[in-house]
Amino acid sequence: MRRKLLILLGSTLVTFLGIGVYFSNRIMYMRKKKDDFIRNREISAKRLVEDDYDALPKAEHWVNSPSGYKLKCLFVEPNKSNKWIIICHGVTENKINSIKYMNLFLKRGFNAVIYDHRRHGESGGRTSSYGYYEKLDLKAVVDELKRLKGTDILLGIHGESMGAATLLLYAGSIEDGADFYIADCPFSDFEQQIIHQLKRELPLPPKMILPIGDAFLKWRDGYRAREVSPIRHIKNIKNPVLFIHSEPDEFIPAEMTKELFREKEGPKQIYLPSIGAHAQSYNENAGEYENVIDRFLTELVYPKAHKKAKAQ
């Protein structure tokens, strides 16, 4: 009887450890796309024209993360303007994926900062945290930009997927430090996003896996999934937000963006294209995407910027 009990306890412990390690590894070390793959994909799709990109005036900056590593940033400044945009890429990507969005804003007279999130591209950092630590890194990039270019710049932040969640967490829980935000396919709550994925991928019920995995995530990386929740902070964002999400997105449901839009108070707009998988709204609807951004800038961003300039 005692031997059977020990075997049962041992198998339970092994199962507990297996679930915890598997769950936390999947989150902390989600497999990244190779840098060459991202570059070749963007070149093949004509979203990156190497000669044009190489000709842009740009400067490399290494920004110190408060978490103890360096962030590789490129400050791209072809325009004599005080308008700046920071682009935040999604998990598994790098700053090359941000070039298509950068080009969109360069055409509109902005200068841009593209950078690699922690654990991606050329930046340091050991794990991905889906906005928990990335929001602090974003603040470091914002602070460096304002230190170099002044606090009177017109600043926007554009983010895709994890990058969108990161900018919402930055603006809602740290500081509303930009003049506008564009959140493309963010999740509203990381715990709910994990549950959504577990239901799609594993036969076991999420209620069985999540508490174990979450405890391991806290132990190994210092936070719980429920602490990464843009919806909890969205009402703190007073500056304009443009929400974008393709309706067919199966990875992060568009309903999450609709929820964020409903909860956001003050100036806001939303664009829900009927075509496009996850993080494909621009790739599949480029002309419409640009028109939506023009309307957002014209109706919500520039009028407020003019009032701010007059007041100064």
Protein backbone atom coordinates (compact mmCIF):
# COMPACT_ATOMS: atom_id res chain seq x y z
CA MET A 1 0.00 0.00 0.00
CA ARG A 2 2.79 2.37 0.96
CA ARG A 3 4.68 1.53 -2.23
CA LYS A 4 1.60 2.29 -4.35
CA LEU A 5 1.14 5.59 -2.56
CA LEU A 6 4.76 6.56 -3.21
CA ILE A 7 4.40 5.62 -6.88
CA LEU A 8 1.22 7.72 -7.11
CA LEU A 9 2.87 10.69 -5.40
CA GLY A 10 5.92 10.34 -7.64
CA SER A 11 3.89 10.21 -10.84
CA THR A 12 1.82 13.19 -9.67
CA LEU A 13 4.98 15.17 -8.98
CA VAL A 14 6.42 14.26 -12.38
CA THR A 15 3.18 15.33 -14.07
CA PHE A 16 3.13 18.58 -12.08
CA LEU A 17 6.74 19.35 -13.02
CA GLY A 18 6.17 18.38 -16.65
CA ILE A 19 3.16 20.65 -17.04
CA GLY A 20 4.89 23.53 -15.28
CA VAL A 21 8.10 23.34 -17.30
CA TYR A 22 6.29 22.83 -20.62
CA PHE A 23 3.87 25.71 -20.00
CA SER A 24 6.49 28.20 -18.81
CA ASN A 25 8.93 27.23 -21.58
CA ARG A 26 6.28 27.78 -24.24
CA ILE A 27 5.67 31.29 -22.92
CA MET A 28 9.18 32.38 -22.02
CA TYR A 29 10.92 30.90 -25.04
CA MET A 30 8.38 30.97 -27.87
CA ARG A 31 10.29 29.95 -30.98
CA LYS A 32 11.46 33.03 -32.87
CA LYS A 33 11.59 33.40 -36.61
CA LYS A 34 15.15 33.51 -37.91
CA ASP A 35 16.40 36.99 -38.82
CA ASP A 36 17.22 35.93 -42.38
CA PHE A 37 13.75 34.50 -42.82
CA ILE A 38 12.13 37.79 -41.74
CA ARG A 39 14.36 39.85 -44.02
CA ASN A 40 13.83 37.58 -47.04
CA ARG A 41 10.08 37.47 -46.43
CA GLU A 42 9.82 41.26 -46.35
CA ILE A 43 12.01 41.62 -49.45
CA SER A 44 9.99 39.00 -51.34
CA ALA A 45 6.75 40.79 -50.46
CA LYS A 46 8.29 44.12 -51.55
CA ARG A 47 7.68 45.57 -48.11
CA LEU A 48 11.45 46.04 -47.78
CA VAL A 49 13.37 47.55 -50.68
CA GLU A 50 16.97 47.23 -49.54
CA ASP A 51 18.41 50.09 -51.62
CA ASP A 52 15.75 52.49 -50.34
CA TYR A 53 16.21 51.34 -46.77
CA ASP A 54 20.01 51.55 -46.94
CA ALA A 55 19.77 55.11 -48.31
CA LEU A 56 17.79 56.36 -45.30
CA PRO A 57 19.74 58.47 -42.80
CA LYS A 58 19.79 56.49 -39.58
CA ALA A 59 21.78 56.17 -36.40
CA GLU A 60 22.26 53.16 -34.14
CA HIS A 61 21.54 53.62 -30.45
CA TRP A 62 21.92 51.11 -27.64
CA VAL A 63 19.37 51.94 -24.96
CA ASN A 64 19.82 50.58 -21.45
CA SER A 65 16.89 48.49 -20.26
CA PRO A 66 15.93 48.83 -16.59
CA SER A 67 16.00 45.01 -16.57
CA GLY A 68 19.76 44.98 -17.14
CA TYR A 69 20.45 44.50 -20.85
CA LYS A 70 20.73 46.71 -23.93
CA LEU A 71 18.11 47.38 -26.61
CA LYS A 72 19.22 47.80 -30.22
CA CYS A 73 17.45 50.85 -31.68
CA LEU A 74 17.63 52.59 -35.03
CA PHE A 75 16.74 56.26 -35.18
CA VAL A 76 15.66 56.97 -38.77
CA GLU A 77 15.52 60.68 -39.53
CA PRO A 78 14.98 61.64 -43.20
CA ASN A 79 12.52 64.46 -42.44
CA LYS A 80 13.13 67.91 -40.97
CA SER A 81 10.26 67.50 -38.57
CA ASN A 82 9.48 67.18 -34.89
CA LYS A 83 7.06 64.32 -35.61
CA TRP A 84 8.27 60.91 -34.41
CA ILE A 85 6.86 57.40 -34.37
CA ILE A 86 8.16 54.43 -32.36
CA ILE A 87 7.33 51.01 -33.80
CA CYS A 88 6.96 47.94 -31.53
CA HIS A 89 7.09 44.56 -33.28
CA GLY A 90 5.35 41.35 -32.24
CA VAL A 91 6.71 38.24 -30.56
CA THR A 92 8.92 36.04 -32.82
CA GLU A 93 9.64 39.05 -35.12
CA ASN A 94 12.31 41.78 -35.04
CA LYS A 95 12.78 45.39 -36.11
CA ILE A 96 12.89 44.40 -39.82
CA ASN A 97 9.17 43.61 -39.54
CA SER A 98 8.64 47.21 -38.39
CA ILE A 99 10.05 48.74 -41.58
CA LYS A 100 6.75 48.54 -43.49
CA TYR A 101 5.01 50.55 -40.77
CA MET A 102 7.96 52.93 -40.52
CA ASN A 103 7.75 53.65 -44.26
CA LEU A 104 4.07 54.45 -43.90
CA PHE A 105 4.89 57.20 -41.41
CA LEU A 106 8.03 58.45 -43.15
CA LYS A 107 5.81 59.27 -46.15
CA ARG A 108 3.70 61.39 -43.80
CA GLY A 109 6.62 63.50 -42.61
CA PHE A 110 7.48 61.54 -39.47
CA ASN A 111 10.86 60.31 -38.35
CA ALA A 112 10.97 56.89 -36.70
CA VAL A 113 12.52 54.64 -34.11
CA ILE A 114 12.50 50.90 -34.76
CA TYR A 115 14.01 48.55 -32.21
CA ASP A 116 14.30 44.92 -31.16
CA HIS A 117 12.34 43.82 -28.12
CA ARG A 118 14.11 41.85 -25.39
CA ARG A 119 15.26 38.40 -26.57
CA HIS A 120 14.68 39.40 -30.21
CA GLY A 121 17.00 40.56 -32.96
CA GLU A 122 20.14 42.19 -31.59
CA SER A 123 18.75 43.17 -28.19
CA GLY A 124 19.64 41.42 -24.94
CA GLY A 125 17.23 39.77 -22.55
CA ARG A 126 16.61 36.13 -21.78
CA THR A 127 12.83 35.71 -22.03
CA SER A 128 9.72 37.12 -23.66
CA SER A 129 7.11 38.48 -21.25
CA TYR A 130 4.40 39.79 -23.63
CA GLY A 131 4.49 43.31 -22.30
CA TYR A 132 5.29 42.80 -18.62
CA TYR A 133 8.97 43.75 -18.94
CA GLU A 134 8.68 45.10 -22.50
CA LYS A 135 6.61 48.06 -21.29
CA LEU A 136 9.55 49.18 -19.15
CA ASP A 137 11.85 48.85 -22.15
CA LEU A 138 9.46 50.97 -24.21
CA LYS A 139 9.61 53.69 -21.57
CA ALA A 140 13.40 53.58 -21.79
CA VAL A 141 13.20 54.07 -25.57
CA VAL A 142 10.71 56.94 -25.20
CA ASP A 143 12.93 58.59 -22.58
CA GLU A 144 15.99 58.30 -24.82
CA LEU A 145 14.15 59.76 -27.81
CA LYS A 146 12.92 62.72 -25.77
CA ARG A 147 16.38 63.22 -24.28
CA LEU A 148 17.90 63.46 -27.75
CA LYS A 149 15.11 65.28 -29.61
CA GLY A 150 13.35 67.26 -26.90
CA THR A 151 10.10 66.90 -25.02
CA ASP A 152 8.16 69.08 -27.45
CA ILE A 153 8.09 66.45 -30.23
CA LEU A 154 4.82 65.06 -31.57
CA LEU A 155 5.17 61.40 -30.61
CA GLY A 156 3.18 58.38 -31.67
CA ILE A 157 3.67 54.69 -30.89
CA HIS A 158 2.56 51.91 -33.22
CA GLY A 159 2.54 48.30 -32.09
CA GLU A 160 1.65 44.94 -33.60
CA SER A 161 0.40 41.99 -31.50
CA MET A 162 2.71 41.79 -28.44
CA GLY A 163 3.97 45.25 -29.42
CA ALA A 164 0.40 46.56 -29.33
CA ALA A 165 -0.19 45.07 -25.88
CA THR A 166 3.14 46.54 -24.78
CA LEU A 167 2.25 50.10 -25.79
CA LEU A 168 -1.17 49.84 -24.10
CA LEU A 169 0.47 48.61 -20.89
CA TYR A 170 3.05 51.40 -21.11
CA ALA A 171 0.43 54.09 -21.68
CA GLY A 172 -2.05 52.73 -19.15
CA SER A 173 0.15 51.60 -16.28
CA ILE A 174 3.39 53.62 -16.52
CA GLU A 175 2.80 56.93 -18.31
CA ASP A 176 0.60 58.29 -21.06
CA GLY A 177 3.84 59.55 -22.60
CA ALA A 178 2.97 59.70 -26.30
CA ASP A 179 0.54 61.95 -28.15
CA PHE A 180 -1.19 59.01 -29.85
CA TYR A 181 -1.14 55.23 -30.10
CA ILE A 182 -1.98 52.68 -32.79
CA ALA A 183 -2.65 49.21 -31.39
CA ASP A 184 -2.77 46.56 -34.14
CA CYS A 185 -4.21 43.18 -33.00
CA PRO A 186 -3.46 43.34 -29.26
CA PHE A 187 -4.76 40.90 -26.66
CA SER A 188 -6.87 42.42 -23.91
CA ASP A 189 -5.74 40.01 -21.18
CA PHE A 190 -2.82 37.59 -21.37
CA GLU A 191 -4.41 34.98 -19.12
CA GLN A 192 -7.49 34.86 -21.37
CA GLN A 193 -5.23 34.70 -24.42
CA ILE A 194 -3.43 31.69 -22.96
CA ILE A 195 -6.76 29.98 -22.23
CA HIS A 196 -7.81 30.66 -25.83
CA GLN A 197 -4.64 28.99 -27.12
CA LEU A 198 -4.79 26.05 -24.70
CA LYS A 199 -8.31 25.21 -25.87
CA ARG A 200 -7.04 25.11 -29.46
CA GLU A 201 -3.85 23.14 -28.84
CA LEU A 202 -4.28 20.68 -25.96
CA PRO A 203 -6.92 18.11 -24.97
CA LEU A 204 -6.53 18.88 -21.26
CA PRO A 205 -8.81 21.51 -19.69
CA PRO A 206 -7.14 24.93 -19.22
CA LYS A 207 -8.33 25.04 -15.59
CA MET A 208 -6.04 22.09 -14.91
CA ILE A 209 -2.97 23.42 -16.73
CA LEU A 210 -3.08 27.17 -16.11
CA PRO A 211 -2.64 27.26 -12.29
CA ILE A 212 0.38 24.94 -12.47
CA GLY A 213 1.97 26.67 -15.42
CA ASP A 214 1.29 30.10 -13.99
CA ALA A 215 2.99 29.19 -10.72
CA PHE A 216 6.07 28.09 -12.68
CA LEU A 217 5.98 31.31 -14.71
CA LYS A 218 5.98 33.35 -11.50
CA TRP A 219 8.81 31.27 -10.06
CA ARG A 220 10.96 31.34 -13.20
CA ASP A 221 10.28 34.79 -14.67
CA GLY A 222 8.79 36.89 -11.87
CA TYR A 223 5.19 37.52 -12.96
CA ARG A 224 1.81 35.86 -13.43
CA ALA A 225 -0.18 35.87 -16.65
CA ARG A 226 -3.01 37.90 -15.09
CA GLU A 227 -0.56 40.74 -14.41
CA VAL A 228 -0.25 41.29 -18.19
CA SER A 229 -3.67 42.79 -18.78
CA PRO A 230 -4.13 45.89 -20.97
CA ILE A 231 -7.87 45.88 -20.26
CA ARG A 232 -7.18 46.62 -16.58
CA HIS A 233 -5.35 49.84 -17.48
CA ILE A 234 -7.04 51.03 -20.66
CA LYS A 235 -9.13 53.71 -18.93
CA ASN A 236 -5.93 55.45 -17.80
CA ILE A 237 -5.04 56.29 -21.41
CA LYS A 238 -6.34 59.78 -22.18
CA ASN A 239 -4.58 60.40 -25.50
CA PRO A 240 -6.05 59.12 -28.79
CA VAL A 241 -5.86 55.41 -29.62
CA LEU A 242 -6.53 53.79 -32.98
CA PHE A 243 -7.43 50.11 -32.58
CA ILE A 244 -6.93 47.77 -35.53
CA HIS A 245 -7.80 44.08 -35.78
CA SER A 246 -8.70 41.78 -38.66
CA GLU A 247 -12.00 40.03 -38.02
CA PRO A 248 -10.76 36.57 -39.18
CA ASP A 249 -7.83 36.56 -36.71
CA GLU A 250 -7.83 33.15 -35.02
CA PHE A 251 -4.66 33.61 -32.95
CA ILE A 252 -5.90 36.64 -30.98
CA PRO A 253 -9.68 37.06 -31.35
CA ALA A 254 -10.85 40.41 -32.70
CA GLU A 255 -13.32 40.52 -29.81
CA MET A 256 -10.38 41.38 -27.54
CA THR A 257 -9.75 44.60 -29.46
CA LYS A 258 -13.48 45.38 -29.49
CA GLU A 259 -13.46 45.00 -25.71
CA LEU A 260 -10.49 47.36 -25.39
CA PHE A 261 -12.20 49.89 -27.66
CA ARG A 262 -15.39 49.79 -25.57
CA GLU A 263 -13.47 50.37 -22.34
CA LYS A 264 -11.18 53.14 -23.63
CA GLU A 265 -12.47 56.57 -22.63
CA GLY A 266 -11.84 59.73 -24.61
CA PRO A 267 -10.65 60.01 -28.23
CA LYS A 268 -10.51 56.70 -30.08
CA GLN A 269 -11.19 55.03 -33.41
CA ILE A 270 -11.37 51.43 -34.57
CA TYR A 271 -10.72 49.63 -37.85
CA LEU A 272 -11.83 46.01 -38.29
CA PRO A 273 -10.94 44.79 -41.79
CA SER A 274 -12.81 41.72 -43.02
CA ILE A 275 -9.67 40.26 -44.63
CA GLY A 276 -6.46 39.17 -42.91
CA ALA A 277 -5.13 36.62 -40.45
CA HIS A 278 -3.24 37.58 -37.30
CA ALA A 279 -0.98 40.63 -37.80
CA GLN A 280 -1.94 40.76 -41.48
CA SER A 281 -4.26 43.78 -41.49
CA TYR A 282 -1.73 46.00 -43.24
CA ASN A 283 -0.35 43.30 -45.53
CA GLU A 284 -3.82 42.41 -46.81
CA ASN A 285 -5.46 45.86 -46.75
CA ALA A 286 -2.59 48.33 -47.31
CA GLY A 287 -4.52 51.13 -49.03
CA GLU A 288 -7.42 51.05 -46.60
CA TYR A 289 -5.03 50.78 -43.66
CA GLU A 290 -3.24 53.95 -44.73
CA ASN A 291 -6.54 55.78 -45.25
CA VAL A 292 -7.64 54.84 -41.74
CA ILE A 293 -4.41 56.20 -40.29
CA ASP A 294 -4.76 59.43 -42.28
CA ARG A 295 -8.28 59.90 -40.92
CA PHE A 296 -7.11 59.19 -37.38
CA LEU A 297 -4.25 61.69 -37.65
CA THR A 298 -6.42 64.34 -39.28
CA GLU A 299 -9.39 64.03 -36.95
CA LEU A 300 -7.88 63.19 -33.56
CA VAL A 301 -4.13 63.80 -33.51
CA TYR A 302 -3.25 66.95 -35.43
CA PRO A 303 -6.04 69.18 -34.02
CA LYS A 304 -4.94 68.36 -30.48
CA ALA A 305 -1.29 68.94 -31.41
CA HIS A 306 -2.14 72.38 -32.83
CA LYS A 307 -3.96 73.34 -29.62
CA LYS A 308 -1.01 72.16 -27.57
CA ALA A 309 1.42 74.18 -29.68
CA LYS A 310 -0.71 77.34 -29.35
CA ALA A 311 -0.92 76.93 -25.60
CA GLN A 312 2.86 76.83 -25.39
